[in-house]
Amino acid sequence: MSGQLRSIELDLQGLVVHVVSGVGPMPTLESIEQLVRQEKAHPLPHVVIGIGGGSVLDSAKCLAILLVQRNSLRDILAKRDLILPKAVPCVAVPTTAGTGSEVTSQATIWDLNGKKKYSLKNECMYPEYAILDPALTLSLPPRITAITGLDALTHALEAAYSIHSTPETDIHALQAINAIMTELENVVVDGSNRRAREVLLQGSLHAGLAIARTSTAAAHAVSYPLTIHYGIPHGYAVGLLVPEFLMYNSGVNETDCQDPRGVAFVLDRCKLIATELRCSDIVEARNKLRQLIAKIGLKTSLRELGVTDLELISRESTDPDRVSNQPRLVTEQNVRSLLREIYQ
């Protein structure tokens, strides 16, 4: 990224630019608070520009909001007390095809000491501008390309079966599924393929536009403790889980259906997703997603990834903001059964 950053700095000649680097892969309460303290020592900027992966974009979005807040980040997360409107606009420039953070209204923040995950979410969190340039993703290593691509694919799939899906979000979700399934393996094999990189970046954008309205679902809820306790990267964790939740949805019945549109709608939605994945049924779709993970060079077993305590993961996987979006009711026992499916 140093060459790309230098090029961008040249474009900003004549302006006062303060470069902040060193954002980690998981923005924490401490890192965001330190960033805000550091930047408050400077005059209020005219704009905050985030150039990087989802963690960088989330940090930039937080900074643009928090620079003008009277309360600390911890108080805001506890009380949802934000001063509006936002005083500093944000420009988001993604360098991965993954989180879609450039078009969503939230940022993920981790408390690694307390083993918790938070979301700072508000309409004012949307970046004012998103700039997508596939050239910025060309140097992304295969493993990160694979993991971030799985993140985007999970967003698209969860948006497609979310109880909050709409005809508008369906357009974005299905376009994303098609784009990512078409090009992810190709880009992992040949990262220099600019056209494939562009398609993948567009897929991530469409997935982000979809979850911006539907939010994510149970695969995300279960992924958080896998990331916190075992260090499994977020996109990898959700990518392992979403095929099982897709299969789980297909067993919906009248007693556990959470989608107000009913069981028939959920089953039709499962068929639609299978068709979009070019599969004859949901079993084939689940297997195809599993095979994709292996094809892009990632392990497909939680056991191989060092996960030992399925009970712990199950207990900590009932985030109500996520599992309530699932079309079929999710319980701790259900989660335990799903985890066993990907443990062997």
Protein backbone atom coordinates (compact mmCIF):
# COMPACT_ATOMS: atom_id res chain seq x y z
CA MET A 1 0.00 0.00 0.00
CA SER A 2 2.93 2.41 0.47
CA GLY A 3 3.09 3.15 -3.27
CA GLN A 4 -0.64 3.71 -3.48
CA LEU A 5 -0.58 5.93 -0.40
CA ARG A 6 2.24 8.00 -1.88
CA SER A 7 0.21 8.45 -5.06
CA ILE A 8 -2.81 9.63 -3.06
CA GLU A 9 -0.66 12.03 -1.02
CA LEU A 10 0.59 13.56 -4.25
CA ASP A 11 -3.02 14.11 -5.33
CA LEU A 12 -3.57 16.01 -2.08
CA GLN A 13 -0.58 18.36 -2.50
CA GLY A 14 -1.29 21.82 -1.15
CA LEU A 15 -3.55 20.50 1.59
CA VAL A 16 -2.69 19.80 5.21
CA VAL A 17 -2.70 15.98 5.46
CA HIS A 18 -2.15 13.94 8.61
CA VAL A 19 -1.58 10.25 7.91
CA VAL A 20 -2.69 7.72 10.54
CA SER A 21 -1.38 4.18 10.04
CA GLY A 22 -1.03 1.00 12.04
CA VAL A 23 -4.72 0.14 12.38
CA GLY A 24 -4.95 -3.50 13.43
CA PRO A 25 -7.16 -6.23 11.95
CA MET A 26 -9.67 -5.86 14.81
CA PRO A 27 -10.44 -2.28 15.93
CA THR A 28 -10.66 -2.34 19.72
CA LEU A 29 -12.16 0.03 22.26
CA GLU A 30 -8.64 1.00 23.28
CA SER A 31 -7.34 1.56 19.75
CA ILE A 32 -10.32 3.70 18.74
CA GLU A 33 -10.12 5.75 21.94
CA GLN A 34 -6.38 6.26 21.42
CA LEU A 35 -6.97 7.29 17.81
CA VAL A 36 -9.56 9.88 18.86
CA ARG A 37 -7.30 11.31 21.60
CA GLN A 38 -4.43 11.52 19.14
CA GLU A 39 -6.45 13.31 16.49
CA LYS A 40 -8.13 15.71 18.90
CA ALA A 41 -4.67 17.18 19.47
CA HIS A 42 -4.87 18.51 15.89
CA PRO A 43 -7.29 21.02 14.40
CA LEU A 44 -10.64 19.52 13.39
CA PRO A 45 -10.16 18.13 9.86
CA HIS A 46 -12.33 19.01 6.91
CA VAL A 47 -12.60 15.35 5.98
CA VAL A 48 -11.54 11.89 7.19
CA ILE A 49 -10.38 9.49 4.45
CA GLY A 50 -10.16 5.77 5.21
CA ILE A 51 -8.05 3.72 2.80
CA GLY A 52 -7.83 0.03 3.64
CA GLY A 53 -9.78 -3.03 4.65
CA GLY A 54 -12.86 -3.17 6.83
CA SER A 55 -10.98 -2.42 10.04
CA VAL A 56 -9.47 0.74 8.59
CA LEU A 57 -12.82 1.88 7.18
CA ASP A 58 -14.59 1.19 10.48
CA SER A 59 -11.89 3.13 12.34
CA ALA A 60 -12.22 6.06 9.94
CA LYS A 61 -16.02 6.07 10.32
CA CYS A 62 -15.66 6.05 14.10
CA LEU A 63 -13.12 8.86 14.01
CA ALA A 64 -15.33 11.06 11.83
CA ILE A 65 -18.12 10.65 14.38
CA LEU A 66 -16.19 10.71 17.65
CA LEU A 67 -14.11 13.82 16.99
CA VAL A 68 -17.14 15.98 17.81
CA GLN A 69 -18.70 13.94 20.62
CA ARG A 70 -18.82 15.13 24.22
CA ASN A 71 -19.07 11.58 25.61
CA SER A 72 -16.51 8.78 25.52
CA LEU A 73 -16.84 5.85 23.15
CA ARG A 74 -17.70 3.55 26.05
CA ASP A 75 -20.51 5.85 27.19
CA ILE A 76 -21.84 6.13 23.64
CA LEU A 77 -21.87 2.34 23.22
CA ALA A 78 -23.68 1.97 26.54
CA LYS A 79 -26.20 4.77 26.04
CA ARG A 80 -26.37 5.13 22.23
CA ASP A 81 -25.88 8.86 22.86
CA LEU A 82 -24.52 10.49 19.71
CA ILE A 83 -24.45 14.18 18.88
CA LEU A 84 -25.96 14.67 15.44
CA PRO A 85 -25.48 15.63 12.70
CA LYS A 86 -21.93 14.53 11.97
CA ALA A 87 -19.55 17.46 11.63
CA VAL A 88 -16.73 15.71 9.73
CA PRO A 89 -17.50 13.90 6.45
CA CYS A 90 -15.91 10.54 5.71
CA VAL A 91 -14.59 9.12 2.46
CA ALA A 92 -14.20 5.33 2.36
CA VAL A 93 -11.77 3.69 -0.07
CA PRO A 94 -11.78 -0.12 0.33
CA THR A 95 -8.66 -2.11 -0.51
CA THR A 96 -10.35 -5.49 0.05
CA ALA A 97 -13.49 -7.00 -1.48
CA GLY A 98 -15.03 -8.03 1.79
CA THR A 99 -16.81 -6.04 4.47
CA GLY A 100 -18.81 -3.55 2.41
CA SER A 101 -18.15 -1.06 5.22
CA GLU A 102 -17.90 1.72 2.66
CA VAL A 103 -21.70 1.63 2.28
CA THR A 104 -22.94 0.61 5.74
CA SER A 105 -23.96 2.64 8.78
CA GLN A 106 -22.05 0.75 11.46
CA ALA A 107 -18.58 -0.07 12.67
CA THR A 108 -17.47 -3.19 14.52
CA ILE A 109 -15.49 -2.60 17.72
CA TRP A 110 -13.95 -5.35 19.84
CA ASP A 111 -13.31 -5.52 23.56
CA LEU A 112 -10.65 -8.22 23.66
CA ASN A 113 -10.25 -8.04 27.42
CA GLY A 114 -13.96 -8.40 28.10
CA LYS A 115 -14.36 -10.88 25.22
CA LYS A 116 -17.16 -8.81 23.65
CA LYS A 117 -18.03 -7.36 20.29
CA TYR A 118 -19.86 -4.06 19.85
CA SER A 119 -21.45 -2.28 16.92
CA LEU A 120 -21.50 1.50 16.71
CA LYS A 121 -24.50 2.01 14.46
CA ASN A 122 -26.33 5.13 13.34
CA GLU A 123 -27.53 6.62 10.07
CA CYS A 124 -24.83 9.28 10.41
CA MET A 125 -22.19 6.54 10.17
CA TYR A 126 -22.66 6.19 6.42
CA PRO A 127 -19.59 7.54 4.60
CA GLU A 128 -20.43 10.51 2.40
CA TYR A 129 -18.41 9.02 -0.46
CA ALA A 130 -17.19 5.56 -1.39
CA ILE A 131 -14.43 5.19 -3.98
CA LEU A 132 -13.83 1.74 -5.48
CA ASP A 133 -10.64 1.13 -7.44
CA PRO A 134 -9.75 -2.51 -8.21
CA ALA A 135 -6.09 -1.47 -8.60
CA LEU A 136 -5.97 -1.03 -4.83
CA THR A 137 -6.80 -4.73 -4.35
CA LEU A 138 -4.28 -6.19 -6.81
CA SER A 139 -1.57 -6.74 -4.20
CA LEU A 140 -3.89 -8.46 -1.71
CA PRO A 141 -2.44 -11.90 -0.78
CA PRO A 142 -4.46 -15.01 -1.72
CA ARG A 143 -5.42 -15.91 1.87
CA ILE A 144 -6.77 -12.43 2.67
CA THR A 145 -8.51 -12.34 -0.71
CA ALA A 146 -10.19 -15.65 0.16
CA ILE A 147 -11.23 -14.67 3.68
CA THR A 148 -12.58 -11.24 2.77
CA GLY A 149 -14.39 -12.75 -0.21
CA LEU A 150 -16.12 -15.22 2.12
CA ASP A 151 -17.17 -12.30 4.30
CA ALA A 152 -18.83 -10.59 1.34
CA LEU A 153 -20.47 -13.83 0.20
CA THR A 154 -21.88 -14.39 3.68
CA HIS A 155 -23.30 -10.87 3.71
CA ALA A 156 -25.04 -11.56 0.42
CA LEU A 157 -26.46 -14.91 1.52
CA GLU A 158 -27.65 -13.61 4.89
CA ALA A 159 -29.28 -10.62 3.23
CA ALA A 160 -31.01 -12.94 0.77
CA TYR A 161 -32.64 -15.02 3.51
CA SER A 162 -33.02 -12.30 6.17
CA ILE A 163 -36.52 -11.72 7.52
CA HIS A 164 -35.95 -8.07 6.55
CA SER A 165 -35.21 -8.75 2.88
CA THR A 166 -37.01 -6.62 0.31
CA PRO A 167 -37.16 -6.61 -3.49
CA GLU A 168 -34.51 -3.87 -3.43
CA THR A 169 -32.11 -5.75 -1.14
CA ASP A 170 -32.72 -8.91 -3.19
CA ILE A 171 -31.35 -7.17 -6.28
CA HIS A 172 -28.12 -6.34 -4.48
CA ALA A 173 -27.82 -9.68 -2.66
CA LEU A 174 -28.33 -11.83 -5.75
CA GLN A 175 -25.95 -9.73 -7.84
CA ALA A 176 -23.36 -10.13 -5.11
CA ILE A 177 -23.81 -13.90 -4.89
CA ASN A 178 -23.40 -14.26 -8.64
CA ALA A 179 -20.33 -12.01 -8.82
CA ILE A 180 -18.50 -13.58 -5.88
CA MET A 181 -19.26 -17.17 -6.84
CA THR A 182 -18.09 -16.44 -10.38
CA GLU A 183 -14.77 -14.79 -9.56
CA LEU A 184 -13.58 -15.56 -6.02
CA GLU A 185 -11.70 -18.73 -6.89
CA ASN A 186 -10.25 -17.10 -10.01
CA VAL A 187 -8.93 -14.13 -8.03
CA VAL A 188 -7.40 -16.35 -5.33
CA VAL A 189 -5.56 -18.29 -8.07
CA ASP A 190 -4.53 -15.18 -10.04
CA GLY A 191 -4.58 -12.01 -8.00
CA SER A 192 -3.34 -9.94 -10.94
CA ASN A 193 -6.60 -10.47 -12.87
CA ARG A 194 -7.86 -6.89 -12.76
CA ARG A 195 -11.20 -7.65 -14.39
CA ALA A 196 -11.95 -10.40 -11.86
CA ARG A 197 -10.83 -8.09 -9.05
CA GLU A 198 -13.27 -5.47 -10.29
CA VAL A 199 -16.17 -7.93 -10.38
CA LEU A 200 -15.33 -9.13 -6.87
CA LEU A 201 -15.16 -5.56 -5.57
CA GLN A 202 -18.54 -4.81 -7.11
CA GLY A 203 -19.92 -7.96 -5.50
CA SER A 204 -18.68 -6.81 -2.11
CA LEU A 205 -20.29 -3.41 -2.68
CA HIS A 206 -23.65 -4.97 -3.56
CA ALA A 207 -23.45 -7.24 -0.51
CA GLY A 208 -22.76 -4.19 1.64
CA LEU A 209 -25.73 -2.33 0.17
CA ALA A 210 -27.91 -5.35 0.96
CA ILE A 211 -26.89 -5.82 4.61
CA ALA A 212 -27.06 -2.06 5.17
CA ARG A 213 -30.85 -2.57 5.08
CA THR A 214 -31.33 -6.17 6.22
CA SER A 215 -28.48 -6.44 8.74
CA THR A 216 -26.67 -9.75 9.22
CA ALA A 217 -27.99 -12.94 10.81
CA ALA A 218 -27.03 -15.95 12.92
CA ALA A 219 -23.81 -16.87 11.10
CA HIS A 220 -22.44 -13.59 12.36
CA ALA A 221 -23.69 -14.18 15.89
CA VAL A 222 -21.90 -17.52 16.09
CA SER A 223 -18.77 -16.18 14.41
CA TYR A 224 -18.02 -13.60 17.10
CA PRO A 225 -16.98 -16.04 19.86
CA LEU A 226 -15.00 -18.07 17.31
CA THR A 227 -13.02 -14.91 16.53
CA ILE A 228 -12.68 -13.75 20.12
CA HIS A 229 -11.71 -17.09 21.70
CA TYR A 230 -9.85 -18.80 18.85
CA GLY A 231 -8.62 -15.96 16.66
CA ILE A 232 -10.38 -17.23 13.54
CA PRO A 233 -10.62 -14.21 11.19
CA HIS A 234 -14.15 -12.88 10.95
CA GLY A 235 -14.69 -13.56 7.25
CA TYR A 236 -13.33 -17.09 7.63
CA ALA A 237 -15.62 -17.81 10.59
CA VAL A 238 -18.81 -16.60 8.91
CA GLY A 239 -17.86 -18.36 5.69
CA LEU A 240 -17.64 -21.68 7.52
CA LEU A 241 -20.99 -21.14 9.23
CA VAL A 242 -23.26 -19.76 6.53
CA PRO A 243 -23.61 -23.03 4.52
CA GLU A 244 -24.92 -24.74 7.67
CA PHE A 245 -27.39 -21.97 8.46
CA LEU A 246 -28.59 -22.03 4.86
CA MET A 247 -29.26 -25.75 5.25
CA TYR A 248 -30.83 -25.13 8.68
CA ASN A 249 -33.32 -22.66 7.20
CA SER A 250 -34.61 -25.31 4.81
CA GLY A 251 -35.97 -27.28 7.78
CA VAL A 252 -38.24 -24.44 8.92
CA ASN A 253 -41.76 -25.28 10.12
CA GLU A 254 -44.78 -23.47 11.51
CA THR A 255 -43.55 -23.62 15.12
CA ASP A 256 -40.09 -22.13 14.57
CA CYS A 257 -40.59 -19.74 11.62
CA GLN A 258 -39.50 -16.18 12.48
CA ASP A 259 -40.21 -14.65 9.08
CA PRO A 260 -43.61 -12.91 9.13
CA ARG A 261 -44.04 -13.88 5.47
CA GLY A 262 -44.38 -17.52 6.53
CA VAL A 263 -42.91 -20.97 5.99
CA ALA A 264 -43.72 -21.14 2.28
CA PHE A 265 -41.84 -17.88 1.69
CA VAL A 266 -38.76 -19.14 3.55
CA LEU A 267 -38.74 -22.39 1.59
CA ASP A 268 -39.14 -20.51 -1.69
CA ARG A 269 -36.27 -18.29 -0.62
CA CYS A 270 -34.08 -21.34 -0.03
CA LYS A 271 -34.90 -22.54 -3.55
CA LEU A 272 -34.08 -19.09 -4.96
CA ILE A 273 -30.67 -19.09 -3.29
CA ALA A 274 -29.94 -22.63 -4.49
CA THR A 275 -30.86 -21.59 -8.03
CA GLU A 276 -28.60 -18.52 -7.79
CA LEU A 277 -25.79 -20.86 -6.72
CA ARG A 278 -26.60 -22.98 -9.80
CA CYS A 279 -27.66 -25.93 -7.66
CA SER A 280 -30.70 -28.20 -7.89
CA ASP A 281 -31.49 -28.08 -4.17
CA ILE A 282 -30.30 -26.72 -0.85
CA VAL A 283 -28.18 -29.79 -0.01
CA GLU A 284 -26.20 -29.33 -3.20
CA ALA A 285 -25.95 -25.60 -2.43
CA ARG A 286 -24.56 -26.26 1.05
CA ASN A 287 -22.01 -28.71 -0.36
CA LYS A 288 -20.98 -26.31 -3.11
CA LEU A 289 -20.28 -23.59 -0.57
CA ARG A 290 -18.22 -26.02 1.51
CA GLN A 291 -16.27 -27.05 -1.58
CA LEU A 292 -15.58 -23.41 -2.43
CA ILE A 293 -13.88 -22.91 0.95
CA ALA A 294 -11.55 -25.83 0.22
CA LYS A 295 -10.90 -24.66 -3.34
CA ILE A 296 -9.69 -21.26 -2.14
CA GLY A 297 -7.16 -22.94 0.12
CA LEU A 298 -8.86 -22.81 3.52
CA LYS A 299 -9.49 -25.57 6.04
CA THR A 300 -13.11 -26.61 6.41
CA SER A 301 -13.04 -28.15 9.90
CA LEU A 302 -13.30 -26.31 13.21
CA ARG A 303 -11.23 -29.09 14.76
CA GLU A 304 -8.38 -28.35 12.33
CA LEU A 305 -8.62 -24.69 13.31
CA GLY A 306 -8.04 -25.52 16.97
CA VAL A 307 -11.59 -25.09 18.26
CA THR A 308 -12.07 -27.26 21.34
CA ASP A 309 -15.04 -25.94 23.30
CA LEU A 310 -18.26 -26.10 21.30
CA GLU A 311 -20.28 -25.56 24.47
CA LEU A 312 -18.64 -22.18 25.03
CA ILE A 313 -19.25 -21.07 21.46
CA SER A 314 -22.88 -22.20 21.64
CA ARG A 315 -23.51 -20.31 24.88
CA GLU A 316 -22.08 -17.08 23.52
CA SER A 317 -23.80 -17.24 20.11
CA THR A 318 -27.26 -15.91 20.90
CA ASP A 319 -26.73 -12.22 20.04
CA PRO A 320 -30.40 -11.14 19.72
CA ASP A 321 -29.63 -8.47 17.12
CA ARG A 322 -28.40 -11.21 14.77
CA VAL A 323 -30.31 -14.42 15.53
CA SER A 324 -33.63 -12.55 15.37
CA ASN A 325 -32.95 -11.89 11.68
CA GLN A 326 -32.73 -15.60 10.94
CA PRO A 327 -35.90 -16.94 9.25
CA ARG A 328 -35.85 -20.02 11.51
CA LEU A 329 -35.58 -19.76 15.29
CA VAL A 330 -32.05 -20.43 16.55
CA THR A 331 -31.39 -21.94 19.97
CA GLU A 332 -28.20 -22.82 21.82
CA GLN A 333 -28.90 -26.49 21.14
CA ASN A 334 -29.32 -25.80 17.42
CA VAL A 335 -26.01 -23.95 17.34
CA ARG A 336 -24.26 -26.84 19.05
CA SER A 337 -25.60 -29.26 16.42
CA LEU A 338 -24.52 -26.96 13.59
CA LEU A 339 -21.03 -26.60 15.03
CA ARG A 340 -20.69 -30.39 15.18
CA GLU A 341 -21.42 -30.52 11.44
CA ILE A 342 -18.27 -28.52 10.71
CA TYR A 343 -16.11 -29.91 13.51
CA GLN A 344 -15.10 -33.23 11.95
